[in-house]
Amino acid sequence: GAISPGEVKQILSSLGFQKIAIARKDQSEQIIRAWNVGQGAENTVFSAYIRATKPLRDGGALKA
């Protein structure tokens, strides 16, 4: 089942992610309708981009 954006943020935060942002996709309603899960589902759930960062455990930086 689907979970709320707040629940997604809470789960990611508990896993050490920071700067969590959830943005609804522009075509969200069309994406949900294409799932064919039931009429009106696009009014209850949405498709989204989720962005977050996770610091390195040792506090160091990645080197290229």
PDB file of N, CA and C in Angstrom:
ATOM      1  N   GLY A   1       0.810  -1.183   0.000  1.00  0.00           N
ATOM      2  CA  GLY A   1       0.000   0.000   0.000  1.00  0.00           C
ATOM      3  C   GLY A   1       0.856   1.250   0.000  1.00  0.00           C
ATOM      4  N   ALA A   2       0.216   2.330  -0.219  1.00  0.00           N
ATOM      5  CA  ALA A   2       0.894   3.618  -0.245  1.00  0.00           C
ATOM      6  C   ALA A   2       1.071   4.161   1.168  1.00  0.00           C
ATOM      7  N   ILE A   3       2.124   4.939   1.347  1.00  0.00           N
ATOM      8  CA  ILE A   3       2.334   5.619   2.620  1.00  0.00           C
ATOM      9  C   ILE A   3       2.403   7.121   2.371  1.00  0.00           C
ATOM     10  N   SER A   4       2.176   7.892   3.398  1.00  0.00           N
ATOM     11  CA  SER A   4       2.141   9.350   3.257  1.00  0.00           C
ATOM     12  C   SER A   4       3.548   9.918   3.096  1.00  0.00           C
ATOM     13  N   PRO A   5       3.632  11.126   2.514  1.00  0.00           N
ATOM     14  CA  PRO A   5       4.943  11.776   2.403  1.00  0.00           C
ATOM     15  C   PRO A   5       5.621  11.937   3.763  1.00  0.00           C
ATOM     16  N   GLY A   6       4.841  12.210   4.801  1.00  0.00           N
ATOM     17  CA  GLY A   6       5.412  12.340   6.147  1.00  0.00           C
ATOM     18  C   GLY A   6       6.037  11.040   6.619  1.00  0.00           C
ATOM     19  N   GLU A   7       5.378   9.917   6.309  1.00  0.00           N
ATOM     20  CA  GLU A   7       5.929   8.610   6.684  1.00  0.00           C
ATOM     21  C   GLU A   7       7.203   8.300   5.906  1.00  0.00           C
ATOM     22  N   VAL A   8       7.225   8.665   4.630  1.00  0.00           N
ATOM     23  CA  VAL A   8       8.431   8.469   3.818  1.00  0.00           C
ATOM     24  C   VAL A   8       9.581   9.258   4.428  1.00  0.00           C
ATOM     25  N   LYS A   9       9.327  10.517   4.778  1.00  0.00           N
ATOM     26  CA  LYS A   9      10.372  11.356   5.383  1.00  0.00           C
ATOM     27  C   LYS A   9      10.856  10.761   6.701  1.00  0.00           C
ATOM     28  N   GLN A  10       9.939  10.261   7.504  1.00  0.00           N
ATOM     29  CA  GLN A  10      10.305   9.683   8.794  1.00  0.00           C
ATOM     30  C   GLN A  10      11.189   8.447   8.595  1.00  0.00           C
ATOM     31  N   ILE A  11      10.828   7.581   7.672  1.00  0.00           N
ATOM     32  CA  ILE A  11      11.615   6.375   7.407  1.00  0.00           C
ATOM     33  C   ILE A  11      13.004   6.741   6.908  1.00  0.00           C
ATOM     34  N   LEU A  12      13.076   7.642   5.934  1.00  0.00           N
ATOM     35  CA  LEU A  12      14.385   8.042   5.393  1.00  0.00           C
ATOM     36  C   LEU A  12      15.244   8.710   6.466  1.00  0.00           C
ATOM     37  N   SER A  13      14.623   9.544   7.285  1.00  0.00           N
ATOM     38  CA  SER A  13      15.351  10.198   8.364  1.00  0.00           C
ATOM     39  C   SER A  13      15.909   9.175   9.346  1.00  0.00           C
ATOM     40  N   SER A  14      15.114   8.155   9.674  1.00  0.00           N
ATOM     41  CA  SER A  14      15.578   7.128  10.614  1.00  0.00           C
ATOM     42  C   SER A  14      16.733   6.307  10.035  1.00  0.00           C
ATOM     43  N   LEU A  15      16.872   6.323   8.708  1.00  0.00           N
ATOM     44  CA  LEU A  15      17.966   5.613   8.041  1.00  0.00           C
ATOM     45  C   LEU A  15      19.191   6.506   7.833  1.00  0.00           C
ATOM     46  N   GLY A  16      19.124   7.746   8.335  1.00  0.00           N
ATOM     47  CA  GLY A  16      20.268   8.646   8.271  1.00  0.00           C
ATOM     48  C   GLY A  16      20.251   9.640   7.129  1.00  0.00           C
ATOM     49  N   PHE A  17      19.165   9.686   6.365  1.00  0.00           N
ATOM     50  CA  PHE A  17      19.087  10.647   5.258  1.00  0.00           C
ATOM     51  C   PHE A  17      18.726  12.018   5.790  1.00  0.00           C
ATOM     52  N   GLN A  18      19.199  13.043   5.097  1.00  0.00           N
ATOM     53  CA  GLN A  18      18.946  14.429   5.459  1.00  0.00           C
ATOM     54  C   GLN A  18      18.485  15.185   4.226  1.00  0.00           C
ATOM     55  N   LYS A  19      18.054  16.409   4.416  1.00  0.00           N
ATOM     56  CA  LYS A  19      17.609  17.272   3.314  1.00  0.00           C
ATOM     57  C   LYS A  19      16.632  16.517   2.411  1.00  0.00           C
ATOM     58  N   ILE A  20      15.627  15.925   3.012  1.00  0.00           N
ATOM     59  CA  ILE A  20      14.662  15.100   2.300  1.00  0.00           C
ATOM     60  C   ILE A  20      13.615  16.006   1.645  1.00  0.00           C
ATOM     61  N   ALA A  21      13.428  15.829   0.344  1.00  0.00           N
ATOM     62  CA  ALA A  21      12.438  16.619  -0.392  1.00  0.00           C
ATOM     63  C   ALA A  21      11.583  15.675  -1.234  1.00  0.00           C
ATOM     64  N   ILE A  22      10.274  15.873  -1.166  1.00  0.00           N
ATOM     65  CA  ILE A  22       9.340  15.073  -1.952  1.00  0.00           C
ATOM     66  C   ILE A  22       8.561  16.036  -2.842  1.00  0.00           C
ATOM     67  N   ALA A  23       8.636  15.815  -4.157  1.00  0.00           N
ATOM     68  CA  ALA A  23       7.958  16.695  -5.109  1.00  0.00           C
ATOM     69  C   ALA A  23       7.064  15.872  -6.036  1.00  0.00           C
ATOM     70  N   ARG A  24       5.817  16.257  -6.109  1.00  0.00           N
ATOM     71  CA  ARG A  24       4.859  15.581  -6.991  1.00  0.00           C
ATOM     72  C   ARG A  24       5.313  15.727  -8.448  1.00  0.00           C
ATOM     73  N   LYS A  25       5.261  14.629  -9.196  1.00  0.00           N
ATOM     74  CA  LYS A  25       5.588  14.665 -10.619  1.00  0.00           C
ATOM     75  C   LYS A  25       4.484  15.396 -11.375  1.00  0.00           C
ATOM     76  N   ASP A  26       4.863  16.162 -12.387  1.00  0.00           N
ATOM     77  CA  ASP A  26       3.885  16.918 -13.175  1.00  0.00           C
ATOM     78  C   ASP A  26       2.812  16.012 -13.780  1.00  0.00           C
ATOM     79  N   GLN A  27       3.186  14.820 -14.203  1.00  0.00           N
ATOM     80  CA  GLN A  27       2.259  13.890 -14.847  1.00  0.00           C
ATOM     81  C   GLN A  27       1.700  12.858 -13.862  1.00  0.00           C
ATOM     82  N   SER A  28       1.672  13.170 -12.587  1.00  0.00           N
ATOM     83  CA  SER A  28       1.288  12.217 -11.553  1.00  0.00           C
ATOM     84  C   SER A  28      -0.073  11.560 -11.819  1.00  0.00           C
ATOM     85  N   GLU A  29      -1.077  12.347 -12.140  1.00  0.00           N
ATOM     86  CA  GLU A  29      -2.410  11.772 -12.338  1.00  0.00           C
ATOM     87  C   GLU A  29      -2.429  10.763 -13.482  1.00  0.00           C
ATOM     88  N   GLN A  30      -1.741  11.077 -14.574  1.00  0.00           N
ATOM     89  CA  GLN A  30      -1.695  10.154 -15.713  1.00  0.00           C
ATOM     90  C   GLN A  30      -0.934   8.880 -15.345  1.00  0.00           C
ATOM     91  N   ILE A  31       0.115   9.003 -14.573  1.00  0.00           N
ATOM     92  CA  ILE A  31       0.900   7.836 -14.144  1.00  0.00           C
ATOM     93  C   ILE A  31       0.028   6.914 -13.299  1.00  0.00           C
ATOM     94  N   ILE A  32      -0.700   7.470 -12.341  1.00  0.00           N
ATOM     95  CA  ILE A  32      -1.541   6.660 -11.458  1.00  0.00           C
ATOM     96  C   ILE A  32      -2.670   5.998 -12.249  1.00  0.00           C
ATOM     97  N   ARG A  33      -3.295   6.745 -13.161  1.00  0.00           N
ATOM     98  CA  ARG A  33      -4.367   6.159 -13.980  1.00  0.00           C
ATOM     99  C   ARG A  33      -3.853   4.970 -14.789  1.00  0.00           C
ATOM    100  N   ALA A  34      -2.600   5.044 -15.258  1.00  0.00           N
ATOM    101  CA  ALA A  34      -2.019   3.966 -16.066  1.00  0.00           C
ATOM    102  C   ALA A  34      -1.825   2.683 -15.260  1.00  0.00           C
ATOM    103  N   TRP A  35      -1.824   2.779 -13.947  1.00  0.00           N
ATOM    104  CA  TRP A  35      -1.688   1.590 -13.105  1.00  0.00           C
ATOM    105  C   TRP A  35      -2.939   0.722 -13.154  1.00  0.00           C
ATOM    106  N   ASN A  36      -4.070   1.304 -13.546  1.00  0.00           N
ATOM    107  CA  ASN A  36      -5.348   0.585 -13.610  1.00  0.00           C
ATOM    108  C   ASN A  36      -5.703  -0.095 -12.284  1.00  0.00           C
ATOM    109  N   VAL A  37      -5.537   0.623 -11.178  1.00  0.00           N
ATOM    110  CA  VAL A  37      -5.841   0.048  -9.862  1.00  0.00           C
ATOM    111  C   VAL A  37      -7.245   0.407  -9.387  1.00  0.00           C
ATOM    112  N   GLY A  38      -7.905   1.278 -10.090  1.00  0.00           N
ATOM    113  CA  GLY A  38      -9.262   1.655  -9.711  1.00  0.00           C
ATOM    114  C   GLY A  38      -9.531   3.103 -10.041  1.00  0.00           C
ATOM    115  N   GLN A  39     -10.766   3.369 -10.380  1.00  0.00           N
ATOM    116  CA  GLN A  39     -11.157   4.726 -10.739  1.00  0.00           C
ATOM    117  C   GLN A  39     -10.992   5.663  -9.543  1.00  0.00           C
ATOM    118  N   GLY A  40     -10.366   6.786  -9.764  1.00  0.00           N
ATOM    119  CA  GLY A  40     -10.191   7.789  -8.718  1.00  0.00           C
ATOM    120  C   GLY A  40      -8.956   7.617  -7.855  1.00  0.00           C
ATOM    121  N   ALA A  41      -8.147   6.597  -8.140  1.00  0.00           N
ATOM    122  CA  ALA A  41      -6.938   6.378  -7.330  1.00  0.00           C
ATOM    123  C   ALA A  41      -6.015   7.593  -7.377  1.00  0.00           C
ATOM    124  N   GLU A  42      -6.019   8.304  -8.513  1.00  0.00           N
ATOM    125  CA  GLU A  42      -5.150   9.479  -8.654  1.00  0.00           C
ATOM    126  C   GLU A  42      -5.543  10.604  -7.706  1.00  0.00           C
ATOM    127  N   ASN A  43      -6.717  10.502  -7.091  1.00  0.00           N
ATOM    128  CA  ASN A  43      -7.157  11.499  -6.109  1.00  0.00           C
ATOM    129  C   ASN A  43      -6.680  11.158  -4.701  1.00  0.00           C
ATOM    130  N   THR A  44      -6.131   9.966  -4.533  1.00  0.00           N
ATOM    131  CA  THR A  44      -5.705   9.501  -3.217  1.00  0.00           C
ATOM    132  C   THR A  44      -4.195   9.394  -3.090  1.00  0.00           C
ATOM    133  N   VAL A  45      -3.536   8.965  -4.153  1.00  0.00           N
ATOM    134  CA  VAL A  45      -2.086   8.793  -4.144  1.00  0.00           C
ATOM    135  C   VAL A  45      -1.466   9.625  -5.260  1.00  0.00           C
ATOM    136  N   PHE A  46      -0.152   9.841  -5.183  1.00  0.00           N
ATOM    137  CA  PHE A  46       0.517  10.542  -6.261  1.00  0.00           C
ATOM    138  C   PHE A  46       1.910   9.977  -6.472  1.00  0.00           C
ATOM    139  N   SER A  47       2.405  10.167  -7.672  1.00  0.00           N
ATOM    140  CA  SER A  47       3.752   9.762  -8.035  1.00  0.00           C
ATOM    141  C   SER A  47       4.680  10.943  -7.756  1.00  0.00           C
ATOM    142  N   ALA A  48       5.857  10.650  -7.192  1.00  0.00           N
ATOM    143  CA  ALA A  48       6.718  11.752  -6.766  1.00  0.00           C
ATOM    144  C   ALA A  48       8.194  11.448  -6.979  1.00  0.00           C
ATOM    145  N   TYR A  49       8.960  12.517  -7.045  1.00  0.00           N
ATOM    146  CA  TYR A  49      10.422  12.429  -6.999  1.00  0.00           C
ATOM    147  C   TYR A  49      10.811  12.574  -5.532  1.00  0.00           C
ATOM    148  N   ILE A  50      11.737  11.749  -5.088  1.00  0.00           N
ATOM    149  CA  ILE A  50      12.231  11.848  -3.719  1.00  0.00           C
ATOM    150  C   ILE A  50      13.729  12.092  -3.792  1.00  0.00           C
ATOM    151  N   ARG A  51      14.171  13.163  -3.159  1.00  0.00           N
ATOM    152  CA  ARG A  51      15.606  13.486  -3.128  1.00  0.00           C
ATOM    153  C   ARG A  51      16.028  13.609  -1.671  1.00  0.00           C
ATOM    154  N   ALA A  52      17.228  13.089  -1.399  1.00  0.00           N
ATOM    155  CA  ALA A  52      17.767  13.172  -0.039  1.00  0.00           C
ATOM    156  C   ALA A  52      19.274  12.983  -0.109  1.00  0.00           C
ATOM    157  N   THR A  53      19.953  13.384   0.932  1.00  0.00           N
ATOM    158  CA  THR A  53      21.389  13.162   1.030  1.00  0.00           C
ATOM    159  C   THR A  53      21.664  12.304   2.256  1.00  0.00           C
ATOM    160  N   LYS A  54      22.764  11.593   2.202  1.00  0.00           N
ATOM    161  CA  LYS A  54      23.172  10.788   3.354  1.00  0.00           C
ATOM    162  C   LYS A  54      24.661  11.016   3.572  1.00  0.00           C
ATOM    163  N   PRO A  55      25.019  11.603   4.700  1.00  0.00           N
ATOM    164  CA  PRO A  55      26.433  11.868   4.992  1.00  0.00           C
ATOM    165  C   PRO A  55      27.215  10.563   5.110  1.00  0.00           C
ATOM    166  N   LEU A  56      28.498  10.644   4.796  1.00  0.00           N
ATOM    167  CA  LEU A  56      29.369   9.499   4.977  1.00  0.00           C
ATOM    168  C   LEU A  56      29.512   9.216   6.467  1.00  0.00           C
ATOM    169  N   ARG A  57      29.676   7.966   6.827  1.00  0.00           N
ATOM    170  CA  ARG A  57      29.755   7.587   8.243  1.00  0.00           C
ATOM    171  C   ARG A  57      30.937   8.216   8.963  1.00  0.00           C
ATOM    172  N   ASP A  58      32.085   8.306   8.283  1.00  0.00           N
ATOM    173  CA  ASP A  58      33.285   8.829   8.954  1.00  0.00           C
ATOM    174  C   ASP A  58      33.393  10.347   8.873  1.00  0.00           C
ATOM    175  N   GLY A  59      32.406  10.985   8.236  1.00  0.00           N
ATOM    176  CA  GLY A  59      32.413  12.426   8.147  1.00  0.00           C
ATOM    177  C   GLY A  59      33.325  12.961   7.055  1.00  0.00           C
ATOM    178  N   GLY A  60      34.019  12.072   6.350  1.00  0.00           N
ATOM    179  CA  GLY A  60      34.906  12.482   5.277  1.00  0.00           C
ATOM    180  C   GLY A  60      34.148  12.826   4.018  1.00  0.00           C
ATOM    181  N   ALA A  61      34.862  13.268   3.030  1.00  0.00           N
ATOM    182  CA  ALA A  61      34.259  13.633   1.760  1.00  0.00           C
ATOM    183  C   ALA A  61      34.637  12.607   0.702  1.00  0.00           C
ATOM    184  N   LEU A  62      33.776  12.485  -0.287  1.00  0.00           N
ATOM    185  CA  LEU A  62      34.087  11.615  -1.410  1.00  0.00           C
ATOM    186  C   LEU A  62      35.178  12.279  -2.240  1.00  0.00           C
ATOM    187  N   LYS A  63      36.075  11.472  -2.780  1.00  0.00           N
ATOM    188  CA  LYS A  63      37.141  12.008  -3.629  1.00  0.00           C
ATOM    189  C   LYS A  63      36.942  11.500  -5.035  1.00  0.00           C
ATOM    190  N   ALA A  64      37.105  12.402  -6.001  1.00  0.00           N
ATOM    191  CA  ALA A  64      36.941  12.039  -7.410  1.00  0.00           C
ATOM    192  C   ALA A  64      38.207  11.429  -7.961  1.00  0.00           C
TER     193      ALA A  64
END
